[in-house]
PDB file of N, CA and C in Angstrom:
ATOM      1  N   MET A   1       0.294  -1.165   0.084  1.00  0.00           N
ATOM      2  CA  MET A   1       0.429   0.194   0.189  1.00  0.00           C
ATOM      3  C   MET A   1       0.893   0.650   0.157  1.00  0.00           C
ATOM      4  N   ARG A   2       0.226   2.442  -0.733  1.00  0.00           N
ATOM      5  CA  ARG A   2       1.423   3.201  -0.901  1.00  0.00           C
ATOM      6  C   ARG A   2       1.066   4.012   0.505  1.00  0.00           C
ATOM      7  N   PRO A   3       1.941   5.456   0.812  1.00  0.00           N
ATOM      8  CA  PRO A   3       1.755   5.512   2.547  1.00  0.00           C
ATOM      9  C   PRO A   3       0.873   7.174   2.392  1.00  0.00           C
ATOM     10  N   GLU A   4       0.555   7.758   1.178  1.00  0.00           N
ATOM     11  CA  GLU A   4      -0.929   7.843   1.432  1.00  0.00           C
ATOM     12  C   GLU A   4      -1.403   7.477   1.361  1.00  0.00           C
ATOM     13  N   GLN A   5      -2.159   6.508   0.950  1.00  0.00           N
ATOM     14  CA  GLN A   5      -3.327   5.046   1.082  1.00  0.00           C
ATOM     15  C   GLN A   5      -4.269   5.256   2.074  1.00  0.00           C
ATOM     16  N   GLU A   6      -2.607   4.665   3.809  1.00  0.00           N
ATOM     17  CA  GLU A   6      -2.038   4.133   4.474  1.00  0.00           C
ATOM     18  C   GLU A   6      -2.528   5.071   5.022  1.00  0.00           C
ATOM     19  N   ILE A   7      -2.517   7.119   5.106  1.00  0.00           N
ATOM     20  CA  ILE A   7      -2.379   8.109   5.773  1.00  0.00           C
ATOM     21  C   ILE A   7      -4.345   8.504   6.126  1.00  0.00           C
ATOM     22  N   HIS A   8      -4.695   8.067   4.428  1.00  0.00           N
ATOM     23  CA  HIS A   8      -5.739   7.653   3.997  1.00  0.00           C
ATOM     24  C   HIS A   8      -6.677   7.396   4.832  1.00  0.00           C
ATOM     25  N   ARG A   9      -6.899   6.003   4.360  1.00  0.00           N
ATOM     26  CA  ARG A   9      -7.078   4.734   6.012  1.00  0.00           C
ATOM     27  C   ARG A   9      -7.582   4.847   7.442  1.00  0.00           C
ATOM     28  N   ALA A  10      -5.690   5.985   8.009  1.00  0.00           N
ATOM     29  CA  ALA A  10      -6.406   6.194   8.802  1.00  0.00           C
ATOM     30  C   ALA A  10      -7.384   7.107   9.759  1.00  0.00           C
ATOM     31  N   VAL A  11      -7.589   8.217   8.787  1.00  0.00           N
ATOM     32  CA  VAL A  11      -7.973   8.995   8.817  1.00  0.00           C
ATOM     33  C   VAL A  11      -9.302   8.775   9.430  1.00  0.00           C
ATOM     34  N   VAL A  12      -9.400   8.118   7.805  1.00  0.00           N
ATOM     35  CA  VAL A  12     -11.069   7.017   7.318  1.00  0.00           C
ATOM     36  C   VAL A  12     -11.697   6.507   8.515  1.00  0.00           C
ATOM     37  N   GLN A  13     -11.078   5.720   9.457  1.00  0.00           N
ATOM     38  CA  GLN A  13     -10.692   4.916  10.718  1.00  0.00           C
ATOM     39  C   GLN A  13     -11.453   6.193  12.155  1.00  0.00           C
ATOM     40  N   HIS A  14      -9.955   7.651  12.304  1.00  0.00           N
ATOM     41  CA  HIS A  14     -10.665   8.182  13.115  1.00  0.00           C
ATOM     42  C   HIS A  14     -11.976   9.139  12.715  1.00  0.00           C
ATOM     43  N   LEU A  15     -12.261   8.717  11.494  1.00  0.00           N
ATOM     44  CA  LEU A  15     -14.517   9.119  11.357  1.00  0.00           C
ATOM     45  C   LEU A  15     -15.294   8.353  11.379  1.00  0.00           C
ATOM     46  N   ARG A  16     -14.317   7.125  11.524  1.00  0.00           N
ATOM     47  CA  ARG A  16     -15.680   6.345  11.583  1.00  0.00           C
ATOM     48  C   ARG A  16     -15.867   6.093  13.333  1.00  0.00           C
ATOM     49  N   ALA A  17     -14.413   6.539  14.178  1.00  0.00           N
ATOM     50  CA  ALA A  17     -14.865   6.139  16.184  1.00  0.00           C
ATOM     51  C   ALA A  17     -14.864   8.005  16.680  1.00  0.00           C
ATOM     52  N   ARG A  18     -14.946   8.755  16.140  1.00  0.00           N
ATOM     53  CA  ARG A  18     -14.127  10.201  17.201  1.00  0.00           C
ATOM     54  C   ARG A  18     -16.213  11.070  15.386  1.00  0.00           C
ATOM     55  N   GLY A  19     -15.927  10.479  14.786  1.00  0.00           N
ATOM     56  CA  GLY A  19     -16.340  11.289  14.302  1.00  0.00           C
ATOM     57  C   GLY A  19     -17.493  12.780  14.734  1.00  0.00           C
ATOM     58  N   ALA A  20     -17.864  13.807  14.425  1.00  0.00           N
ATOM     59  CA  ALA A  20     -18.505  14.776  15.789  1.00  0.00           C
ATOM     60  C   ALA A  20     -20.358  14.310  15.008  1.00  0.00           C
ATOM     61  N   PRO A  21     -21.286  14.679  15.578  1.00  0.00           N
ATOM     62  CA  PRO A  21     -22.536  14.074  15.864  1.00  0.00           C
ATOM     63  C   PRO A  21     -22.371  15.180  14.705  1.00  0.00           C
ATOM     64  N   GLY A  22     -23.418  14.708  13.939  1.00  0.00           N
ATOM     65  CA  GLY A  22     -24.616  14.901  12.621  1.00  0.00           C
ATOM     66  C   GLY A  22     -22.990  15.513  11.622  1.00  0.00           C
ATOM     67  N   LEU A  23     -22.140  15.061  11.728  1.00  0.00           N
ATOM     68  CA  LEU A  23     -20.370  15.424  10.288  1.00  0.00           C
ATOM     69  C   LEU A  23     -21.216  13.763   9.419  1.00  0.00           C
ATOM     70  N   VAL A  24     -20.926  15.104   8.291  1.00  0.00           N
ATOM     71  CA  VAL A  24     -21.754  13.123   6.610  1.00  0.00           C
ATOM     72  C   VAL A  24     -20.205  13.946   5.933  1.00  0.00           C
ATOM     73  N   TRP A  25     -19.155  12.622   5.328  1.00  0.00           N
ATOM     74  CA  TRP A  25     -18.332  12.851   3.952  1.00  0.00           C
ATOM     75  C   TRP A  25     -18.204  11.796   3.504  1.00  0.00           C
ATOM     76  N   THR A  26     -17.392  12.049   2.389  1.00  0.00           N
ATOM     77  CA  THR A  26     -17.336  10.803   2.530  1.00  0.00           C
ATOM     78  C   THR A  26     -15.418  11.262   1.170  1.00  0.00           C
ATOM     79  N   HIS A  27     -15.921  10.071   0.173  1.00  0.00           N
ATOM     80  CA  HIS A  27     -14.166  10.336  -0.848  1.00  0.00           C
ATOM     81  C   HIS A  27     -14.716   9.799  -2.106  1.00  0.00           C
ATOM     82  N   CYS A  28     -14.036  11.004  -3.036  1.00  0.00           N
ATOM     83  CA  CYS A  28     -14.952  11.124  -4.593  1.00  0.00           C
ATOM     84  C   CYS A  28     -13.597   9.803  -5.188  1.00  0.00           C
ATOM     85  N   PRO A  29     -14.214   8.799  -5.552  1.00  0.00           N
ATOM     86  CA  PRO A  29     -12.958   8.416  -6.382  1.00  0.00           C
ATOM     87  C   PRO A  29     -12.737   8.763  -7.789  1.00  0.00           C
ATOM     88  N   ASN A  30     -11.856   9.620  -8.136  1.00  0.00           N
ATOM     89  CA  ASN A  30     -11.899  10.567  -9.005  1.00  0.00           C
ATOM     90  C   ASN A  30     -10.313  10.047 -10.203  1.00  0.00           C
ATOM     91  N   GLY A  31      -9.941   8.740  -9.625  1.00  0.00           N
ATOM     92  CA  GLY A  31      -8.254   8.784 -10.124  1.00  0.00           C
ATOM     93  C   GLY A  31      -8.567   7.344 -11.097  1.00  0.00           C
ATOM     94  N   GLY A  32      -7.523   7.342 -10.502  1.00  0.00           N
ATOM     95  CA  GLY A  32      -7.902   5.555 -12.480  1.00  0.00           C
ATOM     96  C   GLY A  32      -8.348   5.296 -13.306  1.00  0.00           C
ATOM     97  N   TYR A  33      -7.633   4.160 -13.914  1.00  0.00           N
ATOM     98  CA  TYR A  33      -7.901   4.612 -15.352  1.00  0.00           C
ATOM     99  C   TYR A  33      -9.230   4.322 -15.568  1.00  0.00           C
ATOM    100  N   ARG A  34      -9.385   4.644 -16.462  1.00  0.00           N
ATOM    101  CA  ARG A  34     -10.869   5.341 -17.180  1.00  0.00           C
ATOM    102  C   ARG A  34     -11.459   5.029 -18.480  1.00  0.00           C
ATOM    103  N   ARG A  35     -11.585   4.154 -19.664  1.00  0.00           N
ATOM    104  CA  ARG A  35     -11.469   3.832 -21.118  1.00  0.00           C
ATOM    105  C   ARG A  35     -11.991   4.904 -21.231  1.00  0.00           C
ATOM    106  N   PRO A  36     -11.525   5.406 -22.597  1.00  0.00           N
ATOM    107  CA  PRO A  36     -11.606   6.974 -22.628  1.00  0.00           C
ATOM    108  C   PRO A  36     -12.600   7.303 -23.247  1.00  0.00           C
ATOM    109  N   ILE A  37     -14.109   6.984 -23.203  1.00  0.00           N
ATOM    110  CA  ILE A  37     -15.964   7.062 -23.753  1.00  0.00           C
ATOM    111  C   ILE A  37     -16.402   6.485 -21.541  1.00  0.00           C
ATOM    112  N   GLU A  38     -15.856   6.119 -20.869  1.00  0.00           N
ATOM    113  CA  GLU A  38     -16.380   6.108 -19.513  1.00  0.00           C
ATOM    114  C   GLU A  38     -15.662   7.401 -19.246  1.00  0.00           C
ATOM    115  N   ALA A  39     -14.579   8.193 -18.946  1.00  0.00           N
ATOM    116  CA  ALA A  39     -14.038   9.475 -19.291  1.00  0.00           C
ATOM    117  C   ALA A  39     -15.059  10.472 -19.771  1.00  0.00           C
ATOM    118  N   ALA A  40     -15.466  10.840 -20.614  1.00  0.00           N
ATOM    119  CA  ALA A  40     -16.176  11.027 -21.070  1.00  0.00           C
ATOM    120  C   ALA A  40     -17.293  11.146 -20.992  1.00  0.00           C
ATOM    121  N   ILE A  41     -18.095  10.338 -19.945  1.00  0.00           N
ATOM    122  CA  ILE A  41     -19.329  10.315 -19.276  1.00  0.00           C
ATOM    123  C   ILE A  41     -18.783  10.894 -18.320  1.00  0.00           C
ATOM    124  N   LEU A  42     -18.271  10.602 -17.630  1.00  0.00           N
ATOM    125  CA  LEU A  42     -18.081  10.832 -16.620  1.00  0.00           C
ATOM    126  C   LEU A  42     -17.474  12.746 -16.543  1.00  0.00           C
ATOM    127  N   LYS A  43     -17.682  13.052 -17.069  1.00  0.00           N
ATOM    128  CA  LYS A  43     -16.837  14.553 -17.330  1.00  0.00           C
ATOM    129  C   LYS A  43     -18.478  15.364 -17.799  1.00  0.00           C
ATOM    130  N   SER A  44     -18.740  14.604 -18.001  1.00  0.00           N
ATOM    131  CA  SER A  44     -20.483  14.716 -18.936  1.00  0.00           C
ATOM    132  C   SER A  44     -21.020  15.299 -17.506  1.00  0.00           C
ATOM    133  N   LEU A  45     -21.070  14.576 -17.251  1.00  0.00           N
ATOM    134  CA  LEU A  45     -21.867  14.201 -15.828  1.00  0.00           C
ATOM    135  C   LEU A  45     -21.101  15.606 -14.672  1.00  0.00           C
ATOM    136  N   GLY A  46     -19.851  16.148 -14.987  1.00  0.00           N
ATOM    137  CA  GLY A  46     -19.384  17.177 -13.907  1.00  0.00           C
ATOM    138  C   GLY A  46     -17.973  16.380 -13.155  1.00  0.00           C
ATOM    139  N   VAL A  47     -17.469  15.272 -13.903  1.00  0.00           N
ATOM    140  CA  VAL A  47     -16.472  14.200 -12.074  1.00  0.00           C
ATOM    141  C   VAL A  47     -15.294  15.995 -12.588  1.00  0.00           C
ATOM    142  N   ARG A  48     -14.778  16.177 -12.195  1.00  0.00           N
ATOM    143  CA  ARG A  48     -14.269  17.210 -11.671  1.00  0.00           C
ATOM    144  C   ARG A  48     -12.963  16.592 -11.833  1.00  0.00           C
ATOM    145  N   PRO A  49     -11.571  17.163 -12.214  1.00  0.00           N
ATOM    146  CA  PRO A  49      -9.480  16.576 -11.584  1.00  0.00           C
ATOM    147  C   PRO A  49      -9.988  17.301 -10.502  1.00  0.00           C
ATOM    148  N   GLY A  50      -8.586  16.997  -9.247  1.00  0.00           N
ATOM    149  CA  GLY A  50      -7.850  17.626  -8.777  1.00  0.00           C
ATOM    150  C   GLY A  50      -9.323  17.722  -6.947  1.00  0.00           C
ATOM    151  N   VAL A  51     -10.384  17.076  -6.852  1.00  0.00           N
ATOM    152  CA  VAL A  51     -11.036  17.164  -5.647  1.00  0.00           C
ATOM    153  C   VAL A  51     -10.460  16.410  -4.952  1.00  0.00           C
ATOM    154  N   SER A  52     -10.668  17.157  -3.538  1.00  0.00           N
ATOM    155  CA  SER A  52     -10.065  16.783  -3.044  1.00  0.00           C
ATOM    156  C   SER A  52     -10.185  15.478  -1.939  1.00  0.00           C
ATOM    157  N   ASP A  53      -8.971  14.534  -1.221  1.00  0.00           N
ATOM    158  CA  ASP A  53      -9.652  13.313  -0.929  1.00  0.00           C
ATOM    159  C   ASP A  53     -10.642  13.269  -0.111  1.00  0.00           C
ATOM    160  N   LEU A  54     -11.072  14.350   1.395  1.00  0.00           N
ATOM    161  CA  LEU A  54     -12.785  13.834   1.749  1.00  0.00           C
ATOM    162  C   LEU A  54     -13.073  15.247   1.804  1.00  0.00           C
ATOM    163  N   LEU A  55     -14.929  14.898   1.620  1.00  0.00           N
ATOM    164  CA  LEU A  55     -15.005  16.003   1.683  1.00  0.00           C
ATOM    165  C   LEU A  55     -16.186  15.470   2.953  1.00  0.00           C
ATOM    166  N   LEU A  56     -15.608  17.141   3.210  1.00  0.00           N
ATOM    167  CA  LEU A  56     -17.065  16.547   5.159  1.00  0.00           C
ATOM    168  C   LEU A  56     -17.876  17.918   5.088  1.00  0.00           C
ATOM    169  N   TRP A  57     -19.175  17.206   5.513  1.00  0.00           N
ATOM    170  CA  TRP A  57     -20.248  18.781   5.805  1.00  0.00           C
ATOM    171  C   TRP A  57     -20.809  18.690   6.955  1.00  0.00           C
ATOM    172  N   ARG A  58     -20.527  19.786   8.203  1.00  0.00           N
ATOM    173  CA  ARG A  58     -21.240  20.022   9.475  1.00  0.00           C
ATOM    174  C   ARG A  58     -22.122  21.170   9.307  1.00  0.00           C
ATOM    175  N   LYS A  59     -22.271  21.257  10.166  1.00  0.00           N
ATOM    176  CA  LYS A  59     -23.617  22.334  10.060  1.00  0.00           C
ATOM    177  C   LYS A  59     -23.058  24.043   9.646  1.00  0.00           C
ATOM    178  N   GLY A  60     -24.322  23.534   7.921  1.00  0.00           N
ATOM    179  CA  GLY A  60     -24.147  24.058   6.599  1.00  0.00           C
ATOM    180  C   GLY A  60     -22.763  24.756   6.747  1.00  0.00           C
ATOM    181  N   HIS A  61     -21.339  23.936   7.146  1.00  0.00           N
ATOM    182  CA  HIS A  61     -20.408  24.456   7.158  1.00  0.00           C
ATOM    183  C   HIS A  61     -19.464  23.090   5.561  1.00  0.00           C
ATOM    184  N   PHE A  62     -19.161  23.719   4.771  1.00  0.00           N
ATOM    185  CA  PHE A  62     -17.775  22.769   3.758  1.00  0.00           C
ATOM    186  C   PHE A  62     -16.417  22.678   3.746  1.00  0.00           C
ATOM    187  N   TYR A  63     -16.333  21.555   4.378  1.00  0.00           N
ATOM    188  CA  TYR A  63     -14.788  21.636   4.446  1.00  0.00           C
ATOM    189  C   TYR A  63     -13.903  20.372   3.206  1.00  0.00           C
ATOM    190  N   ALA A  64     -12.401  20.340   2.817  1.00  0.00           N
ATOM    191  CA  ALA A  64     -11.992  19.992   2.276  1.00  0.00           C
ATOM    192  C   ALA A  64     -10.674  19.278   2.685  1.00  0.00           C
ATOM    193  N   ILE A  65     -10.695  18.161   3.047  1.00  0.00           N
ATOM    194  CA  ILE A  65      -8.619  17.885   3.124  1.00  0.00           C
ATOM    195  C   ILE A  65      -8.158  17.080   1.934  1.00  0.00           C
ATOM    196  N   GLU A  66      -7.359  17.547   1.060  1.00  0.00           N
ATOM    197  CA  GLU A  66      -6.195  17.396   0.707  1.00  0.00           C
ATOM    198  C   GLU A  66      -5.249  16.103   1.527  1.00  0.00           C
ATOM    199  N   LEU A  67      -4.833  14.800   1.483  1.00  0.00           N
ATOM    200  CA  LEU A  67      -3.925  14.345   1.879  1.00  0.00           C
ATOM    201  C   LEU A  67      -2.583  13.973   0.895  1.00  0.00           C
ATOM    202  N   LYS A  68      -1.761  14.248   1.890  1.00  0.00           N
ATOM    203  CA  LYS A  68      -0.555  14.183   1.174  1.00  0.00           C
ATOM    204  C   LYS A  68       0.530  13.362   1.872  1.00  0.00           C
ATOM    205  N   ALA A  69       1.519  11.992   1.902  1.00  0.00           N
ATOM    206  CA  ALA A  69       2.517  11.854   2.414  1.00  0.00           C
ATOM    207  C   ALA A  69       3.723  12.555   2.650  1.00  0.00           C
ATOM    208  N   GLU A  70       4.708  12.320   3.296  1.00  0.00           N
ATOM    209  CA  GLU A  70       6.114  13.177   3.928  1.00  0.00           C
ATOM    210  C   GLU A  70       5.857  13.244   2.298  1.00  0.00           C
ATOM    211  N   GLY A  71       6.604  14.744   2.509  1.00  0.00           N
ATOM    212  CA  GLY A  71       7.332  15.176   0.829  1.00  0.00           C
ATOM    213  C   GLY A  71       6.542  16.087  -0.062  1.00  0.00           C
ATOM    214  N   GLY A  72       5.008  14.967   0.048  1.00  0.00           N
ATOM    215  CA  GLY A  72       4.156  14.888  -0.922  1.00  0.00           C
ATOM    216  C   GLY A  72       3.385  16.173  -1.431  1.00  0.00           C
ATOM    217  N   ARG A  73       3.165  17.038  -2.263  1.00  0.00           N
ATOM    218  CA  ARG A  73       3.198  18.491  -2.203  1.00  0.00           C
ATOM    219  C   ARG A  73       1.391  18.277  -4.267  1.00  0.00           C
ATOM    220  N   PRO A  74       0.880  19.306  -4.027  1.00  0.00           N
ATOM    221  CA  PRO A  74      -0.532  18.734  -3.875  1.00  0.00           C
ATOM    222  C   PRO A  74      -0.026  19.276  -5.482  1.00  0.00           C
ATOM    223  N   THR A  75      -1.232  19.148  -7.152  1.00  0.00           N
ATOM    224  CA  THR A  75      -1.336  19.529  -8.084  1.00  0.00           C
ATOM    225  C   THR A  75      -1.602  20.981  -8.698  1.00  0.00           C
ATOM    226  N   ALA A  76      -1.966  20.833  -9.700  1.00  0.00           N
ATOM    227  CA  ALA A  76      -1.318  22.255 -10.282  1.00  0.00           C
ATOM    228  C   ALA A  76      -3.361  22.280  -9.418  1.00  0.00           C
ATOM    229  N   LEU A  77      -4.457  21.038 -10.215  1.00  0.00           N
ATOM    230  CA  LEU A  77      -5.671  21.127 -10.275  1.00  0.00           C
ATOM    231  C   LEU A  77      -6.573  21.137  -8.886  1.00  0.00           C
ATOM    232  N   GLN A  78      -5.423  20.520  -7.870  1.00  0.00           N
ATOM    233  CA  GLN A  78      -5.488  20.143  -6.944  1.00  0.00           C
ATOM    234  C   GLN A  78      -5.891  21.208  -5.953  1.00  0.00           C
ATOM    235  N   LEU A  79      -5.142  21.746  -6.028  1.00  0.00           N
ATOM    236  CA  LEU A  79      -5.123  23.815  -5.435  1.00  0.00           C
ATOM    237  C   LEU A  79      -6.412  24.322  -5.656  1.00  0.00           C
ATOM    238  N   GLU A  80      -6.553  24.230  -7.512  1.00  0.00           N
ATOM    239  CA  GLU A  80      -7.710  24.981  -7.960  1.00  0.00           C
ATOM    240  C   GLU A  80      -9.115  24.823  -7.262  1.00  0.00           C
ATOM    241  N   PHE A  81      -9.203  23.496  -7.488  1.00  0.00           N
ATOM    242  CA  PHE A  81     -10.504  22.941  -6.780  1.00  0.00           C
ATOM    243  C   PHE A  81     -10.518  23.182  -5.109  1.00  0.00           C
ATOM    244  N   LEU A  82      -9.616  23.515  -4.247  1.00  0.00           N
ATOM    245  CA  LEU A  82      -9.287  23.722  -2.962  1.00  0.00           C
ATOM    246  C   LEU A  82      -9.103  25.576  -3.405  1.00  0.00           C
ATOM    247  N   ALA A  83      -8.822  26.278  -3.928  1.00  0.00           N
ATOM    248  CA  ALA A  83      -9.605  28.007  -3.835  1.00  0.00           C
ATOM    249  C   ALA A  83     -10.207  28.115  -4.689  1.00  0.00           C
ATOM    250  N   ASP A  84     -11.597  27.327  -5.097  1.00  0.00           N
ATOM    251  CA  ASP A  84     -12.419  27.581  -5.226  1.00  0.00           C
ATOM    252  C   ASP A  84     -13.236  27.232  -4.215  1.00  0.00           C
ATOM    253  N   LEU A  85     -13.101  26.035  -3.465  1.00  0.00           N
ATOM    254  CA  LEU A  85     -13.915  26.461  -2.258  1.00  0.00           C
ATOM    255  C   LEU A  85     -13.446  27.090  -0.930  1.00  0.00           C
ATOM    256  N   LYS A  86     -12.077  27.512  -1.052  1.00  0.00           N
ATOM    257  CA  LYS A  86     -12.335  28.520   0.092  1.00  0.00           C
ATOM    258  C   LYS A  86     -13.418  30.119  -0.757  1.00  0.00           C
ATOM    259  N   GLU A  87     -13.038  30.084  -2.119  1.00  0.00           N
ATOM    260  CA  GLU A  87     -13.362  31.590  -2.713  1.00  0.00           C
ATOM    261  C   GLU A  87     -15.706  31.366  -1.564  1.00  0.00           C
ATOM    262  N   ALA A  88     -15.708  29.704  -2.571  1.00  0.00           N
ATOM    263  CA  ALA A  88     -17.568  29.942  -1.590  1.00  0.00           C
ATOM    264  C   ALA A  88     -17.646  29.556  -0.290  1.00  0.00           C
ATOM    265  N   GLY A  89     -17.043  30.019   0.889  1.00  0.00           N
ATOM    266  CA  GLY A  89     -16.875  30.045   2.005  1.00  0.00           C
ATOM    267  C   GLY A  89     -16.627  28.470   2.503  1.00  0.00           C
ATOM    268  N   GLY A  90     -15.857  28.429   1.729  1.00  0.00           N
ATOM    269  CA  GLY A  90     -15.717  26.258   1.788  1.00  0.00           C
ATOM    270  C   GLY A  90     -14.019  26.476   3.044  1.00  0.00           C
ATOM    271  N   PHE A  91     -14.553  25.672   3.773  1.00  0.00           N
ATOM    272  CA  PHE A  91     -12.621  25.195   5.080  1.00  0.00           C
ATOM    273  C   PHE A  91     -12.209  24.018   3.912  1.00  0.00           C
ATOM    274  N   CYS A  92     -10.881  24.524   3.520  1.00  0.00           N
ATOM    275  CA  CYS A  92      -9.454  22.894   3.700  1.00  0.00           C
ATOM    276  C   CYS A  92      -8.622  23.296   4.306  1.00  0.00           C
ATOM    277  N   CYS A  93      -7.748  22.628   3.635  1.00  0.00           N
ATOM    278  CA  CYS A  93      -6.103  22.223   3.943  1.00  0.00           C
ATOM    279  C   CYS A  93      -5.710  20.911   3.409  1.00  0.00           C
ATOM    280  N   VAL A  94      -4.525  21.451   3.158  1.00  0.00           N
ATOM    281  CA  VAL A  94      -3.514  20.163   2.293  1.00  0.00           C
ATOM    282  C   VAL A  94      -3.450  19.963   3.515  1.00  0.00           C
ATOM    283  N   CYS A  95      -2.963  18.176   3.832  1.00  0.00           N
ATOM    284  CA  CYS A  95      -2.394  17.916   5.085  1.00  0.00           C
ATOM    285  C   CYS A  95      -1.134  17.374   4.831  1.00  0.00           C
ATOM    286  N   GLU A  96       0.017  17.590   4.979  1.00  0.00           N
ATOM    287  CA  GLU A  96       1.363  16.260   5.321  1.00  0.00           C
ATOM    288  C   GLU A  96       0.846  15.346   6.183  1.00  0.00           C
ATOM    289  N   GLY A  97       0.937  14.428   6.041  1.00  0.00           N
ATOM    290  CA  GLY A  97       1.124  13.320   7.310  1.00  0.00           C
ATOM    291  C   GLY A  97      -0.844  13.040   8.680  1.00  0.00           C
ATOM    292  N   LEU A  98      -0.751  12.374   9.093  1.00  0.00           N
ATOM    293  CA  LEU A  98      -1.602  11.640  10.271  1.00  0.00           C
ATOM    294  C   LEU A  98      -1.426  12.496  10.743  1.00  0.00           C
ATOM    295  N   ASP A  99      -0.970  12.783  11.661  1.00  0.00           N
ATOM    296  CA  ASP A  99      -0.430  14.375  12.952  1.00  0.00           C
ATOM    297  C   ASP A  99      -1.830  15.476  12.361  1.00  0.00           C
ATOM    298  N   CYS A 100      -1.524  15.923  10.847  1.00  0.00           N
ATOM    299  CA  CYS A 100      -1.157  17.321  10.049  1.00  0.00           C
ATOM    300  C   CYS A 100      -2.778  17.022  10.625  1.00  0.00           C
ATOM    301  N   ALA A 101      -3.446  16.167   9.844  1.00  0.00           N
ATOM    302  CA  ALA A 101      -4.570  15.998   9.401  1.00  0.00           C
ATOM    303  C   ALA A 101      -5.691  15.923  10.378  1.00  0.00           C
ATOM    304  N   LEU A 102      -5.423  15.286  11.645  1.00  0.00           N
ATOM    305  CA  LEU A 102      -5.648  14.750  12.714  1.00  0.00           C
ATOM    306  C   LEU A 102      -6.578  16.010  13.514  1.00  0.00           C
ATOM    307  N   ARG A 103      -4.868  17.122  13.742  1.00  0.00           N
ATOM    308  CA  ARG A 103      -4.735  18.259  14.127  1.00  0.00           C
ATOM    309  C   ARG A 103      -6.315  19.298  14.052  1.00  0.00           C
ATOM    310  N   THR A 104      -5.633  18.975  11.881  1.00  0.00           N
ATOM    311  CA  THR A 104      -7.150  20.071  11.637  1.00  0.00           C
ATOM    312  C   THR A 104      -8.581  19.559  11.449  1.00  0.00           C
ATOM    313  N   LEU A 105      -8.857  18.270  11.931  1.00  0.00           N
ATOM    314  CA  LEU A 105      -9.827  17.323  11.616  1.00  0.00           C
ATOM    315  C   LEU A 105     -10.670  18.408  13.213  1.00  0.00           C
ATOM    316  N   GLU A 106      -9.886  17.878  14.086  1.00  0.00           N
ATOM    317  CA  GLU A 106     -10.544  18.799  15.137  1.00  0.00           C
ATOM    318  C   GLU A 106      -9.998  19.830  16.354  1.00  0.00           C
ATOM    319  N   SER A 107      -9.225  20.786  15.244  1.00  0.00           N
ATOM    320  CA  SER A 107      -9.099  21.963  14.817  1.00  0.00           C
ATOM    321  C   SER A 107     -10.661  22.731  13.920  1.00  0.00           C
ATOM    322  N   TRP A 108     -11.453  21.856  13.352  1.00  0.00           N
ATOM    323  CA  TRP A 108     -12.219  22.287  12.464  1.00  0.00           C
ATOM    324  C   TRP A 108     -13.058  21.975  13.147  1.00  0.00           C
ATOM    325  N   GLU A 109     -13.722  20.756  14.280  1.00  0.00           N
ATOM    326  CA  GLU A 109     -14.421  20.683  15.766  1.00  0.00           C
ATOM    327  C   GLU A 109     -15.099  19.187  14.827  1.00  0.00           C
ATOM    328  N   LEU A 110     -14.617  18.590  13.963  1.00  0.00           N
ATOM    329  CA  LEU A 110     -15.272  17.338  13.542  1.00  0.00           C
ATOM    330  C   LEU A 110     -15.106  16.267  13.925  1.00  0.00           C
ATOM    331  N   LEU A 111     -13.824  15.691  15.169  1.00  0.00           N
ATOM    332  CA  LEU A 111     -13.712  15.359  15.294  1.00  0.00           C
ATOM    333  C   LEU A 111     -13.770  15.063  17.315  1.00  0.00           C
ATOM    334  N   ARG A 112     -14.551  14.016  18.331  1.00  0.00           N
ATOM    335  CA  ARG A 112     -14.187  14.199  19.443  1.00  0.00           C
ATOM    336  C   ARG A 112     -13.530  13.587  19.951  1.00  0.00           C
ATOM    337  N   GLY A 113     -13.216  14.133  21.319  1.00  0.00           N
ATOM    338  CA  GLY A 113     -11.774  13.844  21.361  1.00  0.00           C
ATOM    339  C   GLY A 113     -10.401  14.346  20.892  1.00  0.00           C
ATOM    340  N   VAL A 114      -9.218  14.593  21.666  1.00  0.00           N
ATOM    341  CA  VAL A 114      -7.916  14.759  21.303  1.00  0.00           C
ATOM    342  C   VAL A 114      -6.864  14.204  21.381  1.00  0.00           C
ATOM    343  N   THR A 115      -6.343  13.791  20.267  1.00  0.00           N
ATOM    344  CA  THR A 115      -5.161  13.249  19.893  1.00  0.00           C
ATOM    345  C   THR A 115      -4.596  13.473  20.863  1.00  0.00           C
ATOM    346  N   SER A 116      -3.434  12.431  21.298  1.00  0.00           N
ATOM    347  CA  SER A 116      -2.207  13.338  21.849  1.00  0.00           C
ATOM    348  C   SER A 116      -1.042  13.215  21.358  1.00  0.00           C
TER     349      SER A 116
END
């Protein structure tokens, strides 16, 4: 398993175990190979490249986290998505590593309790 996937899975475990009441979240599986016809259909339906790894909603607010392994950097399309989300009034963050992701979710009050 790739380091970024390990971080992603660990964050999902925390969301399942410690998610704040009323939290709704999802992962949009945009990546991976698609046959050209399938890719064209998805694009016509509004699939957007660069969507963040985790999309979260709570109490009328929208959040997005782009997860990165140590030394990882967001792509131009990922930065564009985050900028658009911020412009629309959402909260967003690029998190390098599990600790950063958990601290961010806790600061947004999307996780109960505090990690040590």
